[in-house]
Amino acid sequence: MDERLKLLRSRLEDCLVSITWSHKIHEKQADIFIRSGKRWSVASIVATVLTVTGALGVISSCSILSQIATIVLACASLFLYIYTLAYDYSGKAAENKGAAKVFLALREEGRDLLAAVDAGVSYDEAAARYAKLSEKNQTACALAPRTEDRAVTEASNALSAGESTVTDRERANFCGNEGREA
């Protein structure tokens, strides 16, 4: 492999690492939004149930304490309901899942290009394909929704555990073992 192609392959590997990170971060951010949305929704349901229970208790009791508790619960229930609507966890999760899919497609495009480079594609063709991939990655990054530090931490843990890689054993199990050593 000529030196220019080796250098381009190195740049492509760096780009693939960046794309893989972006993909995993957006997946984890979506997971965070889904978990948070569920928690807030459950809290809203619990507060609503307690408010109804308190309202029924107020009907059978004239206690000022139960009336105050019911009013507080009603306010908390209303706040939780409005908060879950205003923050739109499911919409934010969908945005991040969409971004993750874009980065997944870019990752596969990059892996195909890496295989083509290893198979001996010309430098000019590889450079042109890399330029397109890099441009698509920059556009995807610019359009991607914001993520939290917690998503980066979760992505780091997942990538360290091999979550986005295919092992030789998985290849053998899913693709057969022809031409590969066990």
C-alpha atoms as a PDB file:
ATOM      1  CA  MET A   1       0.000   0.000   0.000  1.00  0.00           C
ATOM      2  CA  ASP A   2       1.458   3.354  -0.984  1.00  0.00           C
ATOM      3  CA  GLU A   3       2.177   6.011   1.654  1.00  0.00           C
ATOM      4  CA  ARG A   4      -0.676   8.301   0.585  1.00  0.00           C
ATOM      5  CA  LEU A   5      -3.159   5.438   0.951  1.00  0.00           C
ATOM      6  CA  LYS A   6      -1.704   4.516   4.362  1.00  0.00           C
ATOM      7  CA  LEU A   7      -2.150   8.104   5.519  1.00  0.00           C
ATOM      8  CA  LEU A   8      -5.692   8.195   4.146  1.00  0.00           C
ATOM      9  CA  ARG A   9      -6.460   4.878   5.876  1.00  0.00           C
ATOM     10  CA  SER A  10      -5.243   6.364   9.160  1.00  0.00           C
ATOM     11  CA  ARG A  11      -7.491   9.416   8.708  1.00  0.00           C
ATOM     12  CA  LEU A  12     -10.394   7.116   7.863  1.00  0.00           C
ATOM     13  CA  GLU A  13      -9.800   5.116  11.045  1.00  0.00           C
ATOM     14  CA  ASP A  14      -9.872   8.353  13.072  1.00  0.00           C
ATOM     15  CA  CYS A  15     -13.099   9.361  11.339  1.00  0.00           C
ATOM     16  CA  LEU A  16     -14.640   5.956  12.059  1.00  0.00           C
ATOM     17  CA  VAL A  17     -13.778   6.247  15.742  1.00  0.00           C
ATOM     18  CA  SER A  18     -15.428   9.668  15.867  1.00  0.00           C
ATOM     19  CA  ILE A  19     -18.529   8.398  14.055  1.00  0.00           C
ATOM     20  CA  THR A  20     -18.774   5.358  16.337  1.00  0.00           C
ATOM     21  CA  TRP A  21     -18.538   7.595  19.393  1.00  0.00           C
ATOM     22  CA  SER A  22     -21.225   9.929  18.056  1.00  0.00           C
ATOM     23  CA  HIS A  23     -23.507   7.003  17.258  1.00  0.00           C
ATOM     24  CA  LYS A  24     -23.146   5.484  20.719  1.00  0.00           C
ATOM     25  CA  ILE A  25     -23.501   8.823  22.540  1.00  0.00           C
ATOM     26  CA  HIS A  26     -26.791   9.549  20.769  1.00  0.00           C
ATOM     27  CA  GLU A  27     -28.062   6.044  21.483  1.00  0.00           C
ATOM     28  CA  LYS A  28     -27.271   6.490  25.166  1.00  0.00           C
ATOM     29  CA  GLN A  29     -28.786   9.981  25.249  1.00  0.00           C
ATOM     30  CA  ALA A  30     -32.002   8.550  23.809  1.00  0.00           C
ATOM     31  CA  ASP A  31     -31.957   5.847  26.487  1.00  0.00           C
ATOM     32  CA  ILE A  32     -31.513   8.526  29.166  1.00  0.00           C
ATOM     33  CA  PHE A  33     -34.505  10.480  27.843  1.00  0.00           C
ATOM     34  CA  ILE A  34     -36.619   7.323  27.720  1.00  0.00           C
ATOM     35  CA  ARG A  35     -35.745   6.418  31.323  1.00  0.00           C
ATOM     36  CA  SER A  36     -36.321   9.973  32.554  1.00  0.00           C
ATOM     37  CA  GLY A  37     -39.617  10.248  30.691  1.00  0.00           C
ATOM     38  CA  LYS A  38     -40.843   7.023  32.261  1.00  0.00           C
ATOM     39  CA  ARG A  39     -39.872   8.201  35.748  1.00  0.00           C
ATOM     40  CA  TRP A  40     -41.629  11.554  35.346  1.00  0.00           C
ATOM     41  CA  SER A  41     -44.711   9.885  33.867  1.00  0.00           C
ATOM     42  CA  VAL A  42     -44.921   7.406  36.740  1.00  0.00           C
ATOM     43  CA  ALA A  43     -44.502  10.250  39.242  1.00  0.00           C
ATOM     44  CA  SER A  44     -47.299  12.141  37.487  1.00  0.00           C
ATOM     45  CA  ILE A  45     -49.586   9.105  37.601  1.00  0.00           C
ATOM     46  CA  VAL A  46     -48.841   8.495  41.281  1.00  0.00           C
ATOM     47  CA  ALA A  47     -49.493  12.154  42.120  1.00  0.00           C
ATOM     48  CA  THR A  48     -52.778  12.062  40.196  1.00  0.00           C
ATOM     49  CA  VAL A  49     -53.906   8.897  41.968  1.00  0.00           C
ATOM     50  CA  LEU A  50     -52.990  10.383  45.346  1.00  0.00           C
ATOM     51  CA  THR A  51     -54.866  13.582  44.456  1.00  0.00           C
ATOM     52  CA  VAL A  52     -58.006  11.639  43.585  1.00  0.00           C
ATOM     53  CA  THR A  53     -57.651   9.585  46.753  1.00  0.00           C
ATOM     54  CA  GLY A  54     -57.205  12.774  48.765  1.00  0.00           C
ATOM     55  CA  ALA A  55     -60.238  14.355  47.094  1.00  0.00           C
ATOM     56  CA  LEU A  56     -62.326  11.349  48.030  1.00  0.00           C
ATOM     57  CA  GLY A  57     -60.993  11.616  51.572  1.00  0.00           C
ATOM     58  CA  VAL A  58     -61.935  15.301  51.734  1.00  0.00           C
ATOM     59  CA  ILE A  59     -65.508  14.407  50.796  1.00  0.00           C
ATOM     60  CA  SER A  60     -65.786  12.063  53.762  1.00  0.00           C
ATOM     61  CA  SER A  61     -63.799  14.252  56.152  1.00  0.00           C
ATOM     62  CA  CYS A  62     -63.867  17.889  57.054  1.00  0.00           C
ATOM     63  CA  SER A  63     -60.263  17.872  58.239  1.00  0.00           C
ATOM     64  CA  ILE A  64     -58.367  20.986  57.223  1.00  0.00           C
ATOM     65  CA  LEU A  65     -55.195  18.906  57.075  1.00  0.00           C
ATOM     66  CA  SER A  66     -56.659  16.552  54.441  1.00  0.00           C
ATOM     67  CA  GLN A  67     -57.909  19.540  52.450  1.00  0.00           C
ATOM     68  CA  ILE A  68     -54.443  21.156  52.475  1.00  0.00           C
ATOM     69  CA  ALA A  69     -52.786  17.848  51.580  1.00  0.00           C
ATOM     70  CA  THR A  70     -55.190  17.388  48.665  1.00  0.00           C
ATOM     71  CA  ILE A  71     -54.485  20.892  47.377  1.00  0.00           C
ATOM     72  CA  VAL A  72     -50.721  20.310  47.607  1.00  0.00           C
ATOM     73  CA  LEU A  73     -51.066  16.964  45.808  1.00  0.00           C
ATOM     74  CA  ALA A  74     -53.253  18.562  43.138  1.00  0.00           C
ATOM     75  CA  CYS A  75     -50.616  21.244  42.553  1.00  0.00           C
ATOM     76  CA  ALA A  76     -47.841  18.628  42.425  1.00  0.00           C
ATOM     77  CA  SER A  77     -49.882  16.503  40.047  1.00  0.00           C
ATOM     78  CA  LEU A  78     -50.538  19.468  37.761  1.00  0.00           C
ATOM     79  CA  PHE A  79     -46.876  20.479  37.831  1.00  0.00           C
ATOM     80  CA  LEU A  80     -45.706  16.939  36.969  1.00  0.00           C
ATOM     81  CA  TYR A  81     -48.221  16.641  34.152  1.00  0.00           C
ATOM     82  CA  ILE A  82     -47.267  19.993  32.626  1.00  0.00           C
ATOM     83  CA  TYR A  83     -43.560  19.247  33.073  1.00  0.00           C
ATOM     84  CA  THR A  84     -43.807  15.929  31.209  1.00  0.00           C
ATOM     85  CA  LEU A  85     -45.687  17.638  28.382  1.00  0.00           C
ATOM     86  CA  ALA A  86     -43.358  20.626  28.203  1.00  0.00           C
ATOM     87  CA  TYR A  87     -40.108  18.700  28.272  1.00  0.00           C
ATOM     88  CA  ASP A  88     -41.237  16.080  25.716  1.00  0.00           C
ATOM     89  CA  TYR A  89     -38.893  13.262  26.679  1.00  0.00           C
ATOM     90  CA  SER A  90     -40.245  10.941  23.980  1.00  0.00           C
ATOM     91  CA  GLY A  91     -39.660  13.580  21.290  1.00  0.00           C
ATOM     92  CA  LYS A  92     -36.117  14.199  22.498  1.00  0.00           C
ATOM     93  CA  ALA A  93     -35.461  10.446  22.600  1.00  0.00           C
ATOM     94  CA  ALA A  94     -36.725  10.134  19.016  1.00  0.00           C
ATOM     95  CA  GLU A  95     -34.420  12.963  17.883  1.00  0.00           C
ATOM     96  CA  ASN A  96     -31.408  11.225  19.389  1.00  0.00           C
ATOM     97  CA  LYS A  97     -32.438   7.825  17.998  1.00  0.00           C
ATOM     98  CA  GLY A  98     -32.683   9.490  14.572  1.00  0.00           C
ATOM     99  CA  ALA A  99     -29.213  10.983  14.951  1.00  0.00           C
ATOM    100  CA  ALA A 100     -27.858   7.600  16.066  1.00  0.00           C
ATOM    101  CA  LYS A 101     -29.267   6.017  12.900  1.00  0.00           C
ATOM    102  CA  VAL A 102     -27.551   8.645  10.750  1.00  0.00           C
ATOM    103  CA  PHE A 103     -24.225   7.951  12.454  1.00  0.00           C
ATOM    104  CA  LEU A 104     -24.790   4.199  12.134  1.00  0.00           C
ATOM    105  CA  ALA A 105     -25.221   4.581   8.371  1.00  0.00           C
ATOM    106  CA  LEU A 106     -22.052   6.699   8.238  1.00  0.00           C
ATOM    107  CA  ARG A 107     -20.184   4.082  10.259  1.00  0.00           C
ATOM    108  CA  GLU A 108     -21.194   1.363   7.804  1.00  0.00           C
ATOM    109  CA  GLU A 109     -20.186   3.559   4.871  1.00  0.00           C
ATOM    110  CA  GLY A 110     -16.822   4.130   6.533  1.00  0.00           C
ATOM    111  CA  ARG A 111     -16.334   0.430   7.188  1.00  0.00           C
ATOM    112  CA  ASP A 112     -17.106  -0.293   3.532  1.00  0.00           C
ATOM    113  CA  LEU A 113     -14.528   2.286   2.501  1.00  0.00           C
ATOM    114  CA  LEU A 114     -11.972   0.789   4.886  1.00  0.00           C
ATOM    115  CA  ALA A 115     -12.561  -2.632   3.300  1.00  0.00           C
ATOM    116  CA  ALA A 116     -12.170  -1.103  -0.174  1.00  0.00           C
ATOM    117  CA  VAL A 117      -8.873   0.519   0.841  1.00  0.00           C
ATOM    118  CA  ASP A 118      -7.644  -2.813   2.186  1.00  0.00           C
ATOM    119  CA  ALA A 119      -8.758  -4.491  -1.036  1.00  0.00           C
ATOM    120  CA  GLY A 120      -6.612  -2.126  -3.093  1.00  0.00           C
ATOM    121  CA  VAL A 121      -8.920   0.619  -4.340  1.00  0.00           C
ATOM    122  CA  SER A 122      -7.060   3.487  -5.979  1.00  0.00           C
ATOM    123  CA  TYR A 123      -5.965   6.445  -3.876  1.00  0.00           C
ATOM    124  CA  ASP A 124      -8.057   8.867  -5.951  1.00  0.00           C
ATOM    125  CA  GLU A 125     -11.240   6.853  -5.482  1.00  0.00           C
ATOM    126  CA  ALA A 126     -10.558   6.350  -1.773  1.00  0.00           C
ATOM    127  CA  ALA A 127      -9.799  10.051  -1.277  1.00  0.00           C
ATOM    128  CA  ALA A 128     -13.009  11.071  -3.066  1.00  0.00           C
ATOM    129  CA  ARG A 129     -15.105   8.642  -0.998  1.00  0.00           C
ATOM    130  CA  TYR A 130     -13.399   9.767   2.202  1.00  0.00           C
ATOM    131  CA  ALA A 131     -14.095  13.433   1.392  1.00  0.00           C
ATOM    132  CA  LYS A 132     -17.809  12.633   0.950  1.00  0.00           C
ATOM    133  CA  LEU A 133     -17.891  10.622   4.169  1.00  0.00           C
ATOM    134  CA  SER A 134     -16.146  13.387   6.091  1.00  0.00           C
ATOM    135  CA  GLU A 135     -18.559  15.996   4.727  1.00  0.00           C
ATOM    136  CA  LYS A 136     -21.576  13.851   5.668  1.00  0.00           C
ATOM    137  CA  ASN A 137     -20.146  13.379   9.155  1.00  0.00           C
ATOM    138  CA  GLN A 138     -19.640  17.122   9.623  1.00  0.00           C
ATOM    139  CA  THR A 139     -23.211  17.780   8.485  1.00  0.00           C
ATOM    140  CA  ALA A 140     -24.575  15.070  10.794  1.00  0.00           C
ATOM    141  CA  CYS A 141     -22.640  16.539  13.724  1.00  0.00           C
ATOM    142  CA  ALA A 142     -23.964  20.029  12.985  1.00  0.00           C
ATOM    143  CA  LEU A 143     -27.569  18.790  12.820  1.00  0.00           C
ATOM    144  CA  ALA A 144     -27.414  16.396  15.765  1.00  0.00           C
ATOM    145  CA  PRO A 145     -29.244  17.306  18.968  1.00  0.00           C
ATOM    146  CA  ARG A 146     -27.290  18.206  22.098  1.00  0.00           C
ATOM    147  CA  THR A 147     -26.217  15.477  24.466  1.00  0.00           C
ATOM    148  CA  GLU A 148     -25.357  15.392  28.167  1.00  0.00           C
ATOM    149  CA  ASP A 149     -22.109  14.420  29.863  1.00  0.00           C
ATOM    150  CA  ARG A 150     -23.956  11.431  31.304  1.00  0.00           C
ATOM    151  CA  ALA A 151     -24.539  10.100  27.763  1.00  0.00           C
ATOM    152  CA  VAL A 152     -20.811  10.391  27.045  1.00  0.00           C
ATOM    153  CA  THR A 153     -20.020   8.436  30.210  1.00  0.00           C
ATOM    154  CA  GLU A 154     -22.551   5.724  29.363  1.00  0.00           C
ATOM    155  CA  ALA A 155     -21.233   5.549  25.782  1.00  0.00           C
ATOM    156  CA  SER A 156     -17.675   5.233  27.052  1.00  0.00           C
ATOM    157  CA  ASN A 157     -18.664   2.366  29.329  1.00  0.00           C
ATOM    158  CA  ALA A 158     -20.584   0.646  26.530  1.00  0.00           C
ATOM    159  CA  LEU A 159     -17.780   1.007  24.006  1.00  0.00           C
ATOM    160  CA  SER A 160     -15.222  -0.189  26.550  1.00  0.00           C
ATOM    161  CA  ALA A 161     -17.386  -3.267  27.102  1.00  0.00           C
ATOM    162  CA  GLY A 162     -17.369  -3.942  23.347  1.00  0.00           C
ATOM    163  CA  GLU A 163     -21.010  -3.019  22.765  1.00  0.00           C
ATOM    164  CA  SER A 164     -20.436  -1.751  19.206  1.00  0.00           C
ATOM    165  CA  THR A 165     -18.070  -4.420  18.005  1.00  0.00           C
ATOM    166  CA  VAL A 166     -18.589  -7.833  16.510  1.00  0.00           C
ATOM    167  CA  THR A 167     -16.463 -10.580  18.000  1.00  0.00           C
ATOM    168  CA  ASP A 168     -14.975 -13.477  16.033  1.00  0.00           C
ATOM    169  CA  ARG A 169     -17.298 -15.785  17.934  1.00  0.00           C
ATOM    170  CA  GLU A 170     -20.360 -13.768  16.853  1.00  0.00           C
ATOM    171  CA  ARG A 171     -19.132 -13.828  13.254  1.00  0.00           C
ATOM    172  CA  ALA A 172     -18.782 -17.609  13.436  1.00  0.00           C
ATOM    173  CA  ASN A 173     -22.232 -18.014  15.032  1.00  0.00           C
ATOM    174  CA  PHE A 174     -24.110 -15.676  12.729  1.00  0.00           C
ATOM    175  CA  CYS A 175     -22.200 -15.960   9.460  1.00  0.00           C
ATOM    176  CA  GLY A 176     -20.764 -19.441   9.538  1.00  0.00           C
ATOM    177  CA  ASN A 177     -17.139 -20.336   9.995  1.00  0.00           C
ATOM    178  CA  GLU A 178     -16.055 -20.776   6.362  1.00  0.00           C
ATOM    179  CA  GLY A 179     -12.558 -19.549   5.790  1.00  0.00           C
ATOM    180  CA  ARG A 180     -12.064 -18.436   9.399  1.00  0.00           C
ATOM    181  CA  GLU A 181     -10.096 -20.020  12.147  1.00  0.00           C
ATOM    182  CA  ALA A 182     -12.127 -20.805  15.266  1.00  0.00           C
END
